[in-house]
Amino acid sequence: MSVIINSVTESLPAFLAAKSYSKIHVIVDSHTKRFCYPIIKTLLPKHTLTQIKFGEEEKNLNTCSKIWEDMTTASLDRHSLVINLGGGVIGDMGGFCAATYKRGIDFIQIPTTLLSQVDASVGGKLGIDFWGLKNHIGVFQIPKSVLIDADFLKTLPQNELRSGFAEIIKHCLIMDKDKWEVIRKKDFEEQNFTDLIAHSVAIKEKIVTEDPTEKGLRKILNFGHTLGHAIETYFLGRPKLHLLHGEAIAAGMICEAFISFKRDLISLRDLNQIEEFIYSVYGKAKIKESDFQAIVHLTAQDKKNKGNEVRFSLLEDIGKCGYDFVVSKKEMIQALEYYS
């Protein structure tokens, strides 16, 4: 897999010139059709298009059926290319559809959100939500290329930028103490996103190369995600309380940093710094005591689990993370109490 950070007006024509695809199919959502597709449309030869609705709620089998129908109607063969133009939902689902259509055809990711540029598009994790459970059905399949252009970020509202920033924070906390010290001393608006995108991609590529199918080291990328995904899933479908992925992961990182502290893995000073910085960017999500049991129940479906054990990735220091920590329901409740 090649990850290219450059203007898409240069990287996309160069990629296509080196290949000879029989057909090209582009997948967009209602937002990227309006704001991003016009940028690449003129760079492409004749192609077909699938447009889906915007949002995590669309990341399901029904939408996959529409995509597969459009691929079939367009007579895509195994020498065709799918281009996923969008955020994490498009990348995850479009890649999943490409990886399963005719047992797999080539696809590339052109991530258009900060979240997808620093996380979702890199590493070959593909999938959809099922029964309300996030990324419950999926495969590992590396895209032929990931083309990252920071100019797409100009199309994003602030809350979407903040959502992606949570993964940047995570990458610093699990693998780069020095970078953590740099970002935590700056306000969100002062961050150098071009530099941080390259930094996050380098960290994720290093981890994924060593452990492509998440048998060991790659699990550290899930710091903040065991409780974070449960929080996100719990509030999905509650429009007034809906949290973006990064907002839920931010809450999850505070909870899981607290568990790390309670186990004497990090210091109170470290916990306070993490908490203070994350609150300064995201504020506090409104999680009530009456929500705790349902959130903890959802962690039973986490993909890192083994048997009845809920397994976490926890900080062992700033810039160092361990995995396969078995965490009890009592500890999770205590962490949610601490956060709330």
C-alpha atoms as a PDB file:
ATOM      1  CA  MET A   1       0.000   0.000   0.000  1.00  0.00           C
ATOM      2  CA  SER A   2       1.220   3.499  -0.817  1.00  0.00           C
ATOM      3  CA  VAL A   3       0.087   6.529   1.150  1.00  0.00           C
ATOM      4  CA  ILE A   4       0.673   9.700  -0.844  1.00  0.00           C
ATOM      5  CA  ILE A   5       0.312  13.092   0.826  1.00  0.00           C
ATOM      6  CA  ASN A   6       0.126  15.567  -2.018  1.00  0.00           C
ATOM      7  CA  SER A   7      -2.308  17.541  -4.122  1.00  0.00           C
ATOM      8  CA  VAL A   8      -4.884  15.104  -5.486  1.00  0.00           C
ATOM      9  CA  THR A   9      -4.688  16.930  -8.831  1.00  0.00           C
ATOM     10  CA  GLU A  10      -1.174  15.465  -9.125  1.00  0.00           C
ATOM     11  CA  SER A  11      -1.434  12.160  -7.232  1.00  0.00           C
ATOM     12  CA  LEU A  12      -4.633  10.825  -8.834  1.00  0.00           C
ATOM     13  CA  PRO A  13      -3.595  11.252 -12.509  1.00  0.00           C
ATOM     14  CA  ALA A  14      -0.172   9.762 -11.665  1.00  0.00           C
ATOM     15  CA  PHE A  15      -1.781   6.714 -10.039  1.00  0.00           C
ATOM     16  CA  LEU A  16      -4.173   6.119 -12.962  1.00  0.00           C
ATOM     17  CA  ALA A  17      -1.415   6.606 -15.563  1.00  0.00           C
ATOM     18  CA  ALA A  18       0.539   3.730 -14.022  1.00  0.00           C
ATOM     19  CA  LYS A  19      -2.457   1.361 -14.263  1.00  0.00           C
ATOM     20  CA  SER A  20      -4.807   0.114 -16.971  1.00  0.00           C
ATOM     21  CA  TYR A  21      -8.210  -0.343 -15.368  1.00  0.00           C
ATOM     22  CA  SER A  22     -11.106  -1.522 -17.512  1.00  0.00           C
ATOM     23  CA  LYS A  23     -13.658   0.631 -15.643  1.00  0.00           C
ATOM     24  CA  ILE A  24     -13.724   3.156 -12.816  1.00  0.00           C
ATOM     25  CA  HIS A  25     -16.495   3.557 -10.251  1.00  0.00           C
ATOM     26  CA  VAL A  26     -16.603   6.409  -7.735  1.00  0.00           C
ATOM     27  CA  ILE A  27     -18.471   6.256  -4.400  1.00  0.00           C
ATOM     28  CA  VAL A  28     -19.508   9.520  -2.740  1.00  0.00           C
ATOM     29  CA  ASP A  29     -22.020  10.736  -0.177  1.00  0.00           C
ATOM     30  CA  SER A  30     -24.296  13.751  -0.454  1.00  0.00           C
ATOM     31  CA  HIS A  31     -21.621  16.039   1.055  1.00  0.00           C
ATOM     32  CA  THR A  32     -18.627  14.858  -0.947  1.00  0.00           C
ATOM     33  CA  LYS A  33     -20.677  14.818  -4.168  1.00  0.00           C
ATOM     34  CA  ARG A  34     -21.219  18.547  -3.702  1.00  0.00           C
ATOM     35  CA  PHE A  35     -17.891  19.713  -2.264  1.00  0.00           C
ATOM     36  CA  CYS A  36     -15.217  17.175  -3.296  1.00  0.00           C
ATOM     37  CA  TYR A  37     -16.312  15.301  -6.418  1.00  0.00           C
ATOM     38  CA  PRO A  38     -16.010  18.408  -8.658  1.00  0.00           C
ATOM     39  CA  ILE A  39     -12.286  18.513  -7.750  1.00  0.00           C
ATOM     40  CA  ILE A  40     -11.584  15.001  -9.087  1.00  0.00           C
ATOM     41  CA  LYS A  41     -14.277  14.660 -11.778  1.00  0.00           C
ATOM     42  CA  THR A  42     -12.197  16.297 -14.502  1.00  0.00           C
ATOM     43  CA  LEU A  43      -9.145  14.211 -13.539  1.00  0.00           C
ATOM     44  CA  LEU A  44     -10.941  10.964 -14.324  1.00  0.00           C
ATOM     45  CA  PRO A  45     -11.683   9.174 -17.597  1.00  0.00           C
ATOM     46  CA  LYS A  46     -15.239   7.989 -18.248  1.00  0.00           C
ATOM     47  CA  HIS A  47     -16.618   6.503 -15.011  1.00  0.00           C
ATOM     48  CA  THR A  48     -19.777   5.601 -13.094  1.00  0.00           C
ATOM     49  CA  LEU A  49     -20.934   6.934  -9.732  1.00  0.00           C
ATOM     50  CA  THR A  50     -22.768   5.792  -6.609  1.00  0.00           C
ATOM     51  CA  GLN A  51     -24.091   8.466  -4.260  1.00  0.00           C
ATOM     52  CA  ILE A  52     -25.294   7.516  -0.777  1.00  0.00           C
ATOM     53  CA  LYS A  53     -26.736   9.575   2.038  1.00  0.00           C
ATOM     54  CA  PHE A  54     -24.340  11.176   4.506  1.00  0.00           C
ATOM     55  CA  GLY A  55     -23.867   9.761   8.001  1.00  0.00           C
ATOM     56  CA  GLU A  56     -22.881   6.776  10.155  1.00  0.00           C
ATOM     57  CA  GLU A  57     -26.531   5.636  10.095  1.00  0.00           C
ATOM     58  CA  GLU A  58     -26.063   4.707   6.416  1.00  0.00           C
ATOM     59  CA  LYS A  59     -23.150   2.317   7.103  1.00  0.00           C
ATOM     60  CA  ASN A  60     -25.198  -0.867   6.842  1.00  0.00           C
ATOM     61  CA  LEU A  61     -26.048  -3.830   4.617  1.00  0.00           C
ATOM     62  CA  ASN A  62     -28.913  -2.004   2.906  1.00  0.00           C
ATOM     63  CA  THR A  63     -26.523   0.651   1.636  1.00  0.00           C
ATOM     64  CA  CYS A  64     -24.028  -2.041   0.609  1.00  0.00           C
ATOM     65  CA  SER A  65     -26.788  -3.653  -1.477  1.00  0.00           C
ATOM     66  CA  LYS A  66     -27.276  -0.369  -3.351  1.00  0.00           C
ATOM     67  CA  ILE A  67     -23.523  -0.080  -3.968  1.00  0.00           C
ATOM     68  CA  TRP A  68     -23.255  -3.706  -5.179  1.00  0.00           C
ATOM     69  CA  GLU A  69     -26.309  -3.167  -7.415  1.00  0.00           C
ATOM     70  CA  ASP A  70     -24.678  -0.086  -8.974  1.00  0.00           C
ATOM     71  CA  MET A  71     -21.400  -1.974  -9.474  1.00  0.00           C
ATOM     72  CA  THR A  72     -23.261  -4.827 -11.153  1.00  0.00           C
ATOM     73  CA  THR A  73     -25.340  -2.493 -13.334  1.00  0.00           C
ATOM     74  CA  ALA A  74     -22.117  -0.749 -14.394  1.00  0.00           C
ATOM     75  CA  SER A  75     -20.726  -4.205 -15.354  1.00  0.00           C
ATOM     76  CA  LEU A  76     -17.582  -3.751 -13.279  1.00  0.00           C
ATOM     77  CA  ASP A  77     -15.232  -6.686 -13.795  1.00  0.00           C
ATOM     78  CA  ARG A  78     -12.255  -7.827 -11.726  1.00  0.00           C
ATOM     79  CA  HIS A  79     -10.011  -5.401 -13.614  1.00  0.00           C
ATOM     80  CA  SER A  80     -12.049  -2.385 -12.460  1.00  0.00           C
ATOM     81  CA  LEU A  81     -11.206   0.233  -9.834  1.00  0.00           C
ATOM     82  CA  VAL A  82     -13.379   1.684  -7.077  1.00  0.00           C
ATOM     83  CA  ILE A  83     -12.513   5.165  -5.792  1.00  0.00           C
ATOM     84  CA  ASN A  84     -13.860   5.952  -2.325  1.00  0.00           C
ATOM     85  CA  LEU A  85     -14.176   9.722  -1.987  1.00  0.00           C
ATOM     86  CA  GLY A  86     -15.259  10.680   1.510  1.00  0.00           C
ATOM     87  CA  GLY A  87     -14.779  10.214   5.223  1.00  0.00           C
ATOM     88  CA  GLY A  88     -14.572   7.081   7.324  1.00  0.00           C
ATOM     89  CA  VAL A  89     -18.053   5.832   6.402  1.00  0.00           C
ATOM     90  CA  ILE A  90     -17.332   5.942   2.664  1.00  0.00           C
ATOM     91  CA  GLY A  91     -13.849   4.480   3.093  1.00  0.00           C
ATOM     92  CA  ASP A  92     -14.965   1.644   5.388  1.00  0.00           C
ATOM     93  CA  MET A  93     -18.087   0.732   3.448  1.00  0.00           C
ATOM     94  CA  GLY A  94     -16.847   1.421  -0.088  1.00  0.00           C
ATOM     95  CA  GLY A  95     -13.715  -0.598   0.617  1.00  0.00           C
ATOM     96  CA  PHE A  96     -15.808  -3.415   2.095  1.00  0.00           C
ATOM     97  CA  CYS A  97     -18.025  -3.498  -1.001  1.00  0.00           C
ATOM     98  CA  ALA A  98     -14.990  -3.517  -3.323  1.00  0.00           C
ATOM     99  CA  ALA A  99     -13.240  -6.213  -1.281  1.00  0.00           C
ATOM    100  CA  THR A 100     -16.267  -8.508  -1.487  1.00  0.00           C
ATOM    101  CA  TYR A 101     -17.539  -7.765  -5.026  1.00  0.00           C
ATOM    102  CA  LYS A 102     -16.530 -10.676  -7.292  1.00  0.00           C
ATOM    103  CA  ARG A 103     -14.280 -11.778  -4.371  1.00  0.00           C
ATOM    104  CA  GLY A 104     -12.384  -8.527  -4.512  1.00  0.00           C
ATOM    105  CA  ILE A 105     -11.512  -5.735  -6.933  1.00  0.00           C
ATOM    106  CA  ASP A 106      -8.988  -2.912  -6.575  1.00  0.00           C
ATOM    107  CA  PHE A 107      -9.926   0.209  -4.667  1.00  0.00           C
ATOM    108  CA  ILE A 108      -8.227   3.401  -3.531  1.00  0.00           C
ATOM    109  CA  GLN A 109      -9.117   5.758  -0.710  1.00  0.00           C
ATOM    110  CA  ILE A 110      -9.298   9.527  -1.157  1.00  0.00           C
ATOM    111  CA  PRO A 111     -10.123  10.579   2.418  1.00  0.00           C
ATOM    112  CA  THR A 112     -11.779  13.980   2.731  1.00  0.00           C
ATOM    113  CA  THR A 113     -12.088  14.373   6.516  1.00  0.00           C
ATOM    114  CA  LEU A 114      -9.330  14.766   9.086  1.00  0.00           C
ATOM    115  CA  LEU A 115     -10.547  11.597  10.824  1.00  0.00           C
ATOM    116  CA  SER A 116     -10.259   9.496   7.684  1.00  0.00           C
ATOM    117  CA  GLN A 117      -6.930  11.051   6.665  1.00  0.00           C
ATOM    118  CA  VAL A 118      -5.187  10.267   9.956  1.00  0.00           C
ATOM    119  CA  ASP A 119      -6.940   7.021  10.805  1.00  0.00           C
ATOM    120  CA  ALA A 120      -9.751   5.319   8.896  1.00  0.00           C
ATOM    121  CA  SER A 121      -8.195   5.282   5.417  1.00  0.00           C
ATOM    122  CA  VAL A 122      -4.847   3.804   6.507  1.00  0.00           C
ATOM    123  CA  GLY A 123      -4.479   0.176   7.524  1.00  0.00           C
ATOM    124  CA  GLY A 124      -7.035  -1.789   5.519  1.00  0.00           C
ATOM    125  CA  LYS A 125      -9.778  -2.172   8.132  1.00  0.00           C
ATOM    126  CA  LEU A 126     -13.077  -2.239   6.252  1.00  0.00           C
ATOM    127  CA  GLY A 127     -16.607  -2.865   7.403  1.00  0.00           C
ATOM    128  CA  ILE A 128     -20.110  -1.834   8.322  1.00  0.00           C
ATOM    129  CA  ASP A 129     -22.293  -1.533  11.391  1.00  0.00           C
ATOM    130  CA  PHE A 130     -24.726  -4.362  12.184  1.00  0.00           C
ATOM    131  CA  TRP A 131     -27.519  -4.482  14.775  1.00  0.00           C
ATOM    132  CA  GLY A 132     -26.319  -1.073  15.920  1.00  0.00           C
ATOM    133  CA  LEU A 133     -22.826  -2.451  16.651  1.00  0.00           C
ATOM    134  CA  LYS A 134     -20.004  -0.424  15.129  1.00  0.00           C
ATOM    135  CA  ASN A 135     -17.868  -2.116  12.451  1.00  0.00           C
ATOM    136  CA  HIS A 136     -19.324  -5.492  13.431  1.00  0.00           C
ATOM    137  CA  ILE A 137     -19.099  -7.026   9.935  1.00  0.00           C
ATOM    138  CA  GLY A 138     -15.924  -6.511   7.939  1.00  0.00           C
ATOM    139  CA  VAL A 139     -12.633  -7.644   6.449  1.00  0.00           C
ATOM    140  CA  PHE A 140      -8.976  -6.654   6.314  1.00  0.00           C
ATOM    141  CA  GLN A 141      -8.008  -5.572   2.800  1.00  0.00           C
ATOM    142  CA  ILE A 142      -5.279  -3.064   1.954  1.00  0.00           C
ATOM    143  CA  PRO A 143      -6.231  -0.434  -0.668  1.00  0.00           C
ATOM    144  CA  LYS A 144      -4.006  -0.036  -3.714  1.00  0.00           C
ATOM    145  CA  SER A 145      -3.288   3.513  -2.596  1.00  0.00           C
ATOM    146  CA  VAL A 146      -4.386   6.229  -0.186  1.00  0.00           C
ATOM    147  CA  LEU A 147      -4.284   9.730  -1.663  1.00  0.00           C
ATOM    148  CA  ILE A 148      -4.323  12.406   1.041  1.00  0.00           C
ATOM    149  CA  ASP A 149      -4.827  16.073   0.207  1.00  0.00           C
ATOM    150  CA  ALA A 150      -5.093  18.479   3.156  1.00  0.00           C
ATOM    151  CA  ASP A 151      -6.990  20.948   0.939  1.00  0.00           C
ATOM    152  CA  PHE A 152     -10.118  18.816   1.391  1.00  0.00           C
ATOM    153  CA  LEU A 153     -10.152  19.889   5.059  1.00  0.00           C
ATOM    154  CA  LYS A 154     -11.253  23.352   3.908  1.00  0.00           C
ATOM    155  CA  THR A 155     -14.657  21.815   3.141  1.00  0.00           C
ATOM    156  CA  LEU A 156     -15.175  20.674   6.766  1.00  0.00           C
ATOM    157  CA  PRO A 157     -17.073  22.305   9.632  1.00  0.00           C
ATOM    158  CA  GLN A 158     -15.153  22.784  12.909  1.00  0.00           C
ATOM    159  CA  ASN A 159     -16.866  19.896  14.709  1.00  0.00           C
ATOM    160  CA  GLU A 160     -15.675  17.459  12.012  1.00  0.00           C
ATOM    161  CA  LEU A 161     -12.116  18.761  12.324  1.00  0.00           C
ATOM    162  CA  ARG A 162     -12.297  18.299  16.083  1.00  0.00           C
ATOM    163  CA  SER A 163     -13.577  14.762  15.598  1.00  0.00           C
ATOM    164  CA  GLY A 164     -10.501  13.832  13.577  1.00  0.00           C
ATOM    165  CA  PHE A 165      -8.173  15.529  16.042  1.00  0.00           C
ATOM    166  CA  ALA A 166      -9.071  12.910  18.667  1.00  0.00           C
ATOM    167  CA  GLU A 167      -7.171  10.267  16.686  1.00  0.00           C
ATOM    168  CA  ILE A 168      -4.153  12.583  16.458  1.00  0.00           C
ATOM    169  CA  ILE A 169      -4.225  12.949  20.259  1.00  0.00           C
ATOM    170  CA  LYS A 170      -4.431   9.161  20.564  1.00  0.00           C
ATOM    171  CA  HIS A 171      -1.437   8.580  18.286  1.00  0.00           C
ATOM    172  CA  CYS A 172       0.663  10.958  20.399  1.00  0.00           C
ATOM    173  CA  LEU A 173      -0.447   9.356  23.672  1.00  0.00           C
ATOM    174  CA  ILE A 174       0.322   5.801  22.563  1.00  0.00           C
ATOM    175  CA  MET A 175       3.603   6.365  20.686  1.00  0.00           C
ATOM    176  CA  ASP A 176       5.111   9.866  20.841  1.00  0.00           C
ATOM    177  CA  LYS A 177       5.551  11.637  24.175  1.00  0.00           C
ATOM    178  CA  ASP A 178       7.464  14.530  22.585  1.00  0.00           C
ATOM    179  CA  LYS A 179       4.666  15.236  20.107  1.00  0.00           C
ATOM    180  CA  TRP A 180       2.129  15.067  22.941  1.00  0.00           C
ATOM    181  CA  GLU A 181       4.049  17.824  24.709  1.00  0.00           C
ATOM    182  CA  VAL A 182       3.875  19.919  21.523  1.00  0.00           C
ATOM    183  CA  ILE A 183       0.140  19.570  20.858  1.00  0.00           C
ATOM    184  CA  ARG A 184      -1.068  19.886  24.462  1.00  0.00           C
ATOM    185  CA  LYS A 185       0.516  23.334  24.762  1.00  0.00           C
ATOM    186  CA  LYS A 186      -1.410  24.708  21.763  1.00  0.00           C
ATOM    187  CA  ASP A 187      -5.076  25.563  21.361  1.00  0.00           C
ATOM    188  CA  PHE A 188      -7.000  23.502  18.807  1.00  0.00           C
ATOM    189  CA  GLU A 189      -7.066  26.425  16.355  1.00  0.00           C
ATOM    190  CA  GLU A 190      -3.249  26.726  16.504  1.00  0.00           C
ATOM    191  CA  GLN A 191      -2.441  23.115  15.553  1.00  0.00           C
ATOM    192  CA  ASN A 192      -0.398  22.443  12.393  1.00  0.00           C
ATOM    193  CA  PHE A 193      -2.661  19.903  10.706  1.00  0.00           C
ATOM    194  CA  THR A 194      -0.444  19.345   7.660  1.00  0.00           C
ATOM    195  CA  ASP A 195       2.378  18.251   9.968  1.00  0.00           C
ATOM    196  CA  LEU A 196       0.062  16.243  12.231  1.00  0.00           C
ATOM    197  CA  ILE A 197      -1.500  14.322   9.333  1.00  0.00           C
ATOM    198  CA  ALA A 198       1.952  13.155   8.179  1.00  0.00           C
ATOM    199  CA  HIS A 199       2.889  12.301  11.789  1.00  0.00           C
ATOM    200  CA  SER A 200      -0.235  10.214  12.389  1.00  0.00           C
ATOM    201  CA  VAL A 201       0.020   8.407   9.049  1.00  0.00           C
ATOM    202  CA  ALA A 202       3.657   7.487   9.786  1.00  0.00           C
ATOM    203  CA  ILE A 203       2.702   6.050  13.195  1.00  0.00           C
ATOM    204  CA  LYS A 204      -0.222   4.075  11.850  1.00  0.00           C
ATOM    205  CA  GLU A 205       1.736   2.738   8.862  1.00  0.00           C
ATOM    206  CA  LYS A 206       4.542   1.576  11.170  1.00  0.00           C
ATOM    207  CA  ILE A 207       2.126  -0.298  13.436  1.00  0.00           C
ATOM    208  CA  VAL A 208       0.037  -1.784  10.621  1.00  0.00           C
ATOM    209  CA  THR A 209       3.127  -2.988   8.730  1.00  0.00           C
ATOM    210  CA  GLU A 210       4.251  -4.891  11.833  1.00  0.00           C
ATOM    211  CA  ASP A 211       0.787  -6.279  12.657  1.00  0.00           C
ATOM    212  CA  PRO A 212      -1.608  -6.049   9.671  1.00  0.00           C
ATOM    213  CA  THR A 213      -4.441  -8.166  11.113  1.00  0.00           C
ATOM    214  CA  GLU A 214      -4.391  -6.972  14.728  1.00  0.00           C
ATOM    215  CA  LYS A 215      -2.972 -10.041  16.434  1.00  0.00           C
ATOM    216  CA  GLY A 216      -0.837  -7.972  18.831  1.00  0.00           C
ATOM    217  CA  LEU A 217       0.745  -4.516  18.557  1.00  0.00           C
ATOM    218  CA  ARG A 218      -2.002  -3.055  16.357  1.00  0.00           C
ATOM    219  CA  LYS A 219      -4.369  -3.339  19.328  1.00  0.00           C
ATOM    220  CA  ILE A 220      -2.723  -0.242  20.860  1.00  0.00           C
ATOM    221  CA  LEU A 221      -4.531   1.803  18.188  1.00  0.00           C
ATOM    222  CA  ASN A 222      -7.689   0.977  20.156  1.00  0.00           C
ATOM    223  CA  PHE A 223      -6.723   3.073  23.176  1.00  0.00           C
ATOM    224  CA  GLY A 224      -9.837   5.088  24.093  1.00  0.00           C
ATOM    225  CA  HIS A 225     -11.967   2.961  21.784  1.00  0.00           C
ATOM    226  CA  THR A 226     -13.349   0.194  24.003  1.00  0.00           C
ATOM    227  CA  LEU A 227     -15.470   2.545  26.097  1.00  0.00           C
ATOM    228  CA  GLY A 228     -15.355   5.182  23.335  1.00  0.00           C
ATOM    229  CA  HIS A 229     -17.011   2.923  20.737  1.00  0.00           C
ATOM    230  CA  ALA A 230     -19.556   1.795  23.347  1.00  0.00           C
ATOM    231  CA  ILE A 231     -20.407   5.430  24.106  1.00  0.00           C
ATOM    232  CA  GLU A 232     -20.643   6.231  20.383  1.00  0.00           C
ATOM    233  CA  THR A 233     -22.859   3.202  19.719  1.00  0.00           C
ATOM    234  CA  TYR A 234     -25.119   3.959  22.696  1.00  0.00           C
ATOM    235  CA  PHE A 235     -25.802   7.507  21.525  1.00  0.00           C
ATOM    236  CA  LEU A 236     -26.144   6.571  17.841  1.00  0.00           C
ATOM    237  CA  GLY A 237     -29.775   6.981  16.849  1.00  0.00           C
ATOM    238  CA  ARG A 238     -30.428   9.561  19.582  1.00  0.00           C
ATOM    239  CA  PRO A 239     -30.330  12.704  17.420  1.00  0.00           C
ATOM    240  CA  LYS A 240     -30.318  15.175  20.309  1.00  0.00           C
ATOM    241  CA  LEU A 241     -27.450  13.359  22.040  1.00  0.00           C
ATOM    242  CA  HIS A 242     -25.568  12.045  18.990  1.00  0.00           C
ATOM    243  CA  LEU A 243     -21.779  12.206  19.332  1.00  0.00           C
ATOM    244  CA  LEU A 244     -19.310  12.259  16.461  1.00  0.00           C
ATOM    245  CA  HIS A 245     -16.719   9.472  16.505  1.00  0.00           C
ATOM    246  CA  GLY A 246     -13.942  11.704  17.808  1.00  0.00           C
ATOM    247  CA  GLU A 247     -16.133  13.211  20.513  1.00  0.00           C
ATOM    248  CA  ALA A 248     -16.930   9.724  21.832  1.00  0.00           C
ATOM    249  CA  ILE A 249     -13.284   8.629  21.591  1.00  0.00           C
ATOM    250  CA  ALA A 250     -12.232  11.754  23.493  1.00  0.00           C
ATOM    251  CA  ALA A 251     -14.533  10.690  26.346  1.00  0.00           C
ATOM    252  CA  GLY A 252     -13.213   7.131  26.011  1.00  0.00           C
ATOM    253  CA  MET A 253      -9.599   8.295  26.309  1.00  0.00           C
ATOM    254  CA  ILE A 254     -10.315  10.087  29.588  1.00  0.00           C
ATOM    255  CA  CYS A 255     -12.113   7.013  30.949  1.00  0.00           C
ATOM    256  CA  GLU A 256      -9.345   4.645  29.879  1.00  0.00           C
ATOM    257  CA  ALA A 257      -6.593   6.995  31.105  1.00  0.00           C
ATOM    258  CA  PHE A 258      -8.380   6.901  34.478  1.00  0.00           C
ATOM    259  CA  ILE A 259      -8.282   3.080  34.453  1.00  0.00           C
ATOM    260  CA  SER A 260      -4.565   3.304  33.579  1.00  0.00           C
ATOM    261  CA  PHE A 261      -4.050   5.629  36.575  1.00  0.00           C
ATOM    262  CA  LYS A 262      -6.038   3.410  38.946  1.00  0.00           C
ATOM    263  CA  ARG A 263      -3.762   0.516  37.956  1.00  0.00           C
ATOM    264  CA  ASP A 264      -0.652   2.639  38.691  1.00  0.00           C
ATOM    265  CA  LEU A 265       0.376   2.608  35.039  1.00  0.00           C
ATOM    266  CA  ILE A 266       0.386   6.411  34.685  1.00  0.00           C
ATOM    267  CA  SER A 267       0.696   9.190  37.241  1.00  0.00           C
ATOM    268  CA  LEU A 268      -2.004  11.532  38.517  1.00  0.00           C
ATOM    269  CA  ARG A 269      -0.119  14.333  36.779  1.00  0.00           C
ATOM    270  CA  ASP A 270      -0.363  12.479  33.460  1.00  0.00           C
ATOM    271  CA  LEU A 271      -4.084  11.851  33.965  1.00  0.00           C
ATOM    272  CA  ASN A 272      -4.699  15.507  34.819  1.00  0.00           C
ATOM    273  CA  GLN A 273      -2.825  16.686  31.723  1.00  0.00           C
ATOM    274  CA  ILE A 274      -4.790  14.320  29.452  1.00  0.00           C
ATOM    275  CA  GLU A 275      -8.087  15.293  31.016  1.00  0.00           C
ATOM    276  CA  GLU A 276      -7.385  19.036  30.963  1.00  0.00           C
ATOM    277  CA  PHE A 277      -6.344  19.061  27.296  1.00  0.00           C
ATOM    278  CA  ILE A 278      -9.187  16.864  26.047  1.00  0.00           C
ATOM    279  CA  TYR A 279     -11.798  18.890  27.955  1.00  0.00           C
ATOM    280  CA  SER A 280     -10.327  22.111  26.507  1.00  0.00           C
ATOM    281  CA  VAL A 281     -10.967  20.821  22.973  1.00  0.00           C
ATOM    282  CA  TYR A 282     -14.197  18.815  23.381  1.00  0.00           C
ATOM    283  CA  GLY A 283     -15.886  19.908  26.583  1.00  0.00           C
ATOM    284  CA  LYS A 284     -17.720  17.147  28.428  1.00  0.00           C
ATOM    285  CA  ALA A 285     -20.280  14.793  26.870  1.00  0.00           C
ATOM    286  CA  LYS A 286     -23.506  14.471  28.845  1.00  0.00           C
ATOM    287  CA  ILE A 287     -23.355  10.887  30.038  1.00  0.00           C
ATOM    288  CA  LYS A 288     -25.789  10.181  32.877  1.00  0.00           C
ATOM    289  CA  GLU A 289     -25.515   7.529  35.579  1.00  0.00           C
ATOM    290  CA  SER A 290     -28.595   5.883  34.086  1.00  0.00           C
ATOM    291  CA  ASP A 291     -26.566   5.339  30.857  1.00  0.00           C
ATOM    292  CA  PHE A 292     -23.637   3.523  32.489  1.00  0.00           C
ATOM    293  CA  GLN A 293     -24.940  -0.060  32.525  1.00  0.00           C
ATOM    294  CA  ALA A 294     -26.044   0.038  28.887  1.00  0.00           C
ATOM    295  CA  ILE A 295     -22.677   1.465  27.782  1.00  0.00           C
ATOM    296  CA  VAL A 296     -20.746  -1.175  29.738  1.00  0.00           C
ATOM    297  CA  HIS A 297     -23.001  -3.883  28.275  1.00  0.00           C
ATOM    298  CA  LEU A 298     -21.997  -2.786  24.750  1.00  0.00           C
ATOM    299  CA  THR A 299     -18.302  -3.376  25.508  1.00  0.00           C
ATOM    300  CA  ALA A 300     -19.101  -7.108  25.512  1.00  0.00           C
ATOM    301  CA  GLN A 301     -19.187  -6.880  21.690  1.00  0.00           C
ATOM    302  CA  ASP A 302     -15.733  -5.296  21.379  1.00  0.00           C
ATOM    303  CA  LYS A 303     -13.583  -7.072  18.793  1.00  0.00           C
ATOM    304  CA  LYS A 304     -10.548  -7.322  21.122  1.00  0.00           C
ATOM    305  CA  ASN A 305     -12.447  -9.481  23.606  1.00  0.00           C
ATOM    306  CA  LYS A 306     -11.640 -13.114  24.329  1.00  0.00           C
ATOM    307  CA  GLY A 307     -14.427 -15.264  25.715  1.00  0.00           C
ATOM    308  CA  ASN A 308     -16.174 -13.297  28.444  1.00  0.00           C
ATOM    309  CA  GLU A 309     -13.138 -11.089  29.042  1.00  0.00           C
ATOM    310  CA  VAL A 310     -13.394  -7.449  27.944  1.00  0.00           C
ATOM    311  CA  ARG A 311      -9.884  -6.470  26.922  1.00  0.00           C
ATOM    312  CA  PHE A 312      -8.560  -2.920  26.840  1.00  0.00           C
ATOM    313  CA  SER A 313      -5.489  -1.151  25.513  1.00  0.00           C
ATOM    314  CA  LEU A 314      -4.189   1.045  28.340  1.00  0.00           C
ATOM    315  CA  LEU A 315      -1.441   3.630  28.677  1.00  0.00           C
ATOM    316  CA  GLU A 316       1.675   2.406  30.473  1.00  0.00           C
ATOM    317  CA  ASP A 317       3.225   5.875  30.219  1.00  0.00           C
ATOM    318  CA  ILE A 318       2.710   8.869  27.976  1.00  0.00           C
ATOM    319  CA  GLY A 319       3.925   7.621  24.596  1.00  0.00           C
ATOM    320  CA  LYS A 320       3.677   3.955  25.550  1.00  0.00           C
ATOM    321  CA  CYS A 321       0.637   1.671  25.396  1.00  0.00           C
ATOM    322  CA  GLY A 322      -0.005  -1.954  26.310  1.00  0.00           C
ATOM    323  CA  TYR A 323      -2.826  -4.248  25.213  1.00  0.00           C
ATOM    324  CA  ASP A 324      -4.936  -7.206  26.335  1.00  0.00           C
ATOM    325  CA  PHE A 325      -5.653  -5.784  29.792  1.00  0.00           C
ATOM    326  CA  VAL A 326      -8.736  -7.545  31.180  1.00  0.00           C
ATOM    327  CA  VAL A 327     -10.987  -4.847  32.693  1.00  0.00           C
ATOM    328  CA  SER A 328     -13.955  -5.564  34.960  1.00  0.00           C
ATOM    329  CA  LYS A 329     -17.422  -4.035  34.764  1.00  0.00           C
ATOM    330  CA  LYS A 330     -16.775  -2.390  38.132  1.00  0.00           C
ATOM    331  CA  GLU A 331     -13.686  -0.625  36.758  1.00  0.00           C
ATOM    332  CA  MET A 332     -15.633   0.556  33.706  1.00  0.00           C
ATOM    333  CA  ILE A 333     -18.430   1.951  35.864  1.00  0.00           C
ATOM    334  CA  GLN A 334     -15.853   3.729  38.047  1.00  0.00           C
ATOM    335  CA  ALA A 335     -14.273   5.250  34.939  1.00  0.00           C
ATOM    336  CA  LEU A 336     -17.641   6.494  33.656  1.00  0.00           C
ATOM    337  CA  GLU A 337     -18.399   7.904  37.124  1.00  0.00           C
ATOM    338  CA  TYR A 338     -15.046   9.693  37.088  1.00  0.00           C
ATOM    339  CA  TYR A 339     -15.738  11.150  33.634  1.00  0.00           C
ATOM    340  CA  SER A 340     -19.251  12.265  34.515  1.00  0.00           C
END
